[in-house]
Structures are given as C-alpha cells and as structure tokens.
Amino acid sequence: MNQQKDITDRTFNFAVRIVNLCKVLDEKPGVRRVLYKQLIRSGTSIGANVEESQSAQSKADFVHKLEISLKEARETRY
C-alpha cells in the first residue's frame, strides 16, 4: 500500500510541476504557447490515470489505466 501512495504522490507532484512550467511557457506568444497546451494535457493526465487506477474494477482495468499513464508519460517526455 505504501508504494501505491508513493506513485500517486509522485505523479501529483509531477503534475504540479508541469502546471508551474506551463504558466511560464504561456507568458509569451509563439511556439511556447502552442507547446504548453499539449504538455499540460499529457503531463497532468499521468497522475489522473494513476489515481483512477486505484479504484479499478478489475485487474485488467487497473493495468489498462496504468498503461495509459505510461503512454502519457512517454508523450510528455517527448
């Protein structure tokens, strides 16, 4: 259970950092503003899907939600 709490805390903190970064990116027009919109979607989706996995209806549902989180993390890293 402690590990589950750890991943939810870590992904929440990551989402907070993404939001703060996006605030800076949004300050100036141009490419930065275009990028921040996608970054905020994918970066905050990681934690949202991890949180949702905690109340999955089955093991398959749990795995599926974590796989979505992984895809979002890869997109954010890119």
C-alpha atoms as a PDB file:
ATOM      1  CA  MET A   1       0.000   0.000   0.000  1.00  0.00           C
ATOM      2  CA  ASN A   2       2.883   2.366   0.757  1.00  0.00           C
ATOM      3  CA  GLN A   3       4.168   2.002  -2.810  1.00  0.00           C
ATOM      4  CA  GLN A   4       0.732   2.854  -4.222  1.00  0.00           C
ATOM      5  CA  LYS A   5       0.643   6.015  -2.139  1.00  0.00           C
ATOM      6  CA  ASP A   6       4.137   6.818  -3.305  1.00  0.00           C
ATOM      7  CA  ILE A   7       3.242   6.671  -7.014  1.00  0.00           C
ATOM      8  CA  THR A   8       0.105   8.752  -6.509  1.00  0.00           C
ATOM      9  CA  ASP A   9       2.074  11.359  -4.561  1.00  0.00           C
ATOM     10  CA  ARG A  10       4.864  11.413  -7.107  1.00  0.00           C
ATOM     11  CA  THR A  11       2.557  11.794 -10.090  1.00  0.00           C
ATOM     12  CA  PHE A  12       0.577  14.525  -8.316  1.00  0.00           C
ATOM     13  CA  ASN A  13       3.774  16.435  -7.562  1.00  0.00           C
ATOM     14  CA  PHE A  14       4.851  15.982 -11.186  1.00  0.00           C
ATOM     15  CA  ALA A  15       1.530  17.447 -12.353  1.00  0.00           C
ATOM     16  CA  VAL A  16       2.047  20.470 -10.094  1.00  0.00           C
ATOM     17  CA  ARG A  17       5.495  20.983 -11.611  1.00  0.00           C
ATOM     18  CA  ILE A  18       4.029  20.695 -15.129  1.00  0.00           C
ATOM     19  CA  VAL A  19       1.394  23.323 -14.327  1.00  0.00           C
ATOM     20  CA  ASN A  20       4.056  25.679 -12.993  1.00  0.00           C
ATOM     21  CA  LEU A  21       6.194  25.154 -16.104  1.00  0.00           C
ATOM     22  CA  CYS A  22       3.206  25.775 -18.345  1.00  0.00           C
ATOM     23  CA  LYS A  23       2.493  29.061 -16.576  1.00  0.00           C
ATOM     24  CA  VAL A  24       5.959  30.231 -17.636  1.00  0.00           C
ATOM     25  CA  LEU A  25       5.526  28.924 -21.181  1.00  0.00           C
ATOM     26  CA  ASP A  26       2.208  30.732 -21.538  1.00  0.00           C
ATOM     27  CA  GLU A  27       3.714  34.124 -20.732  1.00  0.00           C
ATOM     28  CA  LYS A  28       4.983  34.690 -24.255  1.00  0.00           C
ATOM     29  CA  PRO A  29       3.282  34.068 -27.600  1.00  0.00           C
ATOM     30  CA  GLY A  30       4.555  31.751 -30.271  1.00  0.00           C
ATOM     31  CA  VAL A  31       5.723  28.166 -30.132  1.00  0.00           C
ATOM     32  CA  ARG A  32       5.881  28.149 -26.328  1.00  0.00           C
ATOM     33  CA  ARG A  33       2.150  28.784 -26.086  1.00  0.00           C
ATOM     34  CA  VAL A  34       1.366  26.044 -28.593  1.00  0.00           C
ATOM     35  CA  LEU A  35       3.552  23.531 -26.763  1.00  0.00           C
ATOM     36  CA  TYR A  36       2.229  24.256 -23.295  1.00  0.00           C
ATOM     37  CA  LYS A  37      -1.316  23.283 -24.242  1.00  0.00           C
ATOM     38  CA  GLN A  38      -0.273  19.768 -25.184  1.00  0.00           C
ATOM     39  CA  LEU A  39       2.231  19.497 -22.342  1.00  0.00           C
ATOM     40  CA  ILE A  40      -0.344  20.367 -19.699  1.00  0.00           C
ATOM     41  CA  ARG A  41      -2.777  17.776 -21.090  1.00  0.00           C
ATOM     42  CA  SER A  42      -0.313  14.897 -21.223  1.00  0.00           C
ATOM     43  CA  GLY A  43       1.643  15.860 -18.097  1.00  0.00           C
ATOM     44  CA  THR A  44      -1.382  16.062 -15.831  1.00  0.00           C
ATOM     45  CA  SER A  45      -3.041  13.018 -17.381  1.00  0.00           C
ATOM     46  CA  ILE A  46      -0.330  10.759 -15.948  1.00  0.00           C
ATOM     47  CA  GLY A  47      -1.400  11.310 -12.355  1.00  0.00           C
ATOM     48  CA  ALA A  48      -5.087  11.378 -13.213  1.00  0.00           C
ATOM     49  CA  ASN A  49      -4.867   7.897 -14.704  1.00  0.00           C
ATOM     50  CA  VAL A  50      -2.757   6.576 -11.832  1.00  0.00           C
ATOM     51  CA  GLU A  51      -5.355   7.922  -9.413  1.00  0.00           C
ATOM     52  CA  GLU A  52      -8.144   6.361 -11.448  1.00  0.00           C
ATOM     53  CA  SER A  53      -6.335   3.004 -11.442  1.00  0.00           C
ATOM     54  CA  GLN A  54      -6.626   2.928  -7.652  1.00  0.00           C
ATOM     55  CA  SER A  55     -10.356   2.265  -7.991  1.00  0.00           C
ATOM     56  CA  ALA A  56     -10.184  -0.034 -10.996  1.00  0.00           C
ATOM     57  CA  GLN A  57     -12.976  -2.556 -11.396  1.00  0.00           C
ATOM     58  CA  SER A  58     -10.665  -5.432 -12.265  1.00  0.00           C
ATOM     59  CA  LYS A  59      -7.010  -6.292 -12.618  1.00  0.00           C
ATOM     60  CA  ALA A  60      -7.296  -5.787 -16.373  1.00  0.00           C
ATOM     61  CA  ASP A  61      -8.834  -2.338 -15.820  1.00  0.00           C
ATOM     62  CA  PHE A  62      -6.028  -1.484 -13.369  1.00  0.00           C
ATOM     63  CA  VAL A  63      -3.355  -2.491 -15.863  1.00  0.00           C
ATOM     64  CA  HIS A  64      -5.107  -0.628 -18.678  1.00  0.00           C
ATOM     65  CA  LYS A  65      -5.190   2.637 -16.737  1.00  0.00           C
ATOM     66  CA  LEU A  66      -1.516   2.323 -15.835  1.00  0.00           C
ATOM     67  CA  GLU A  67      -0.683   1.619 -19.481  1.00  0.00           C
ATOM     68  CA  ILE A  68      -2.447   4.867 -20.411  1.00  0.00           C
ATOM     69  CA  SER A  69      -0.338   6.645 -17.784  1.00  0.00           C
ATOM     70  CA  LEU A  70       2.797   5.200 -19.330  1.00  0.00           C
ATOM     71  CA  LYS A  71       1.766   6.392 -22.791  1.00  0.00           C
ATOM     72  CA  GLU A  72       1.095   9.877 -21.448  1.00  0.00           C
ATOM     73  CA  ALA A  73       4.456   9.890 -19.676  1.00  0.00           C
ATOM     74  CA  ARG A  74       6.203   8.979 -22.912  1.00  0.00           C
ATOM     75  CA  GLU A  75       4.362  11.722 -24.749  1.00  0.00           C
ATOM     76  CA  THR A  76       5.267  14.244 -22.064  1.00  0.00           C
ATOM     77  CA  ARG A  77       8.918  13.218 -22.189  1.00  0.00           C
ATOM     78  CA  TYR A  78       8.945  13.663 -25.969  1.00  0.00           C
END
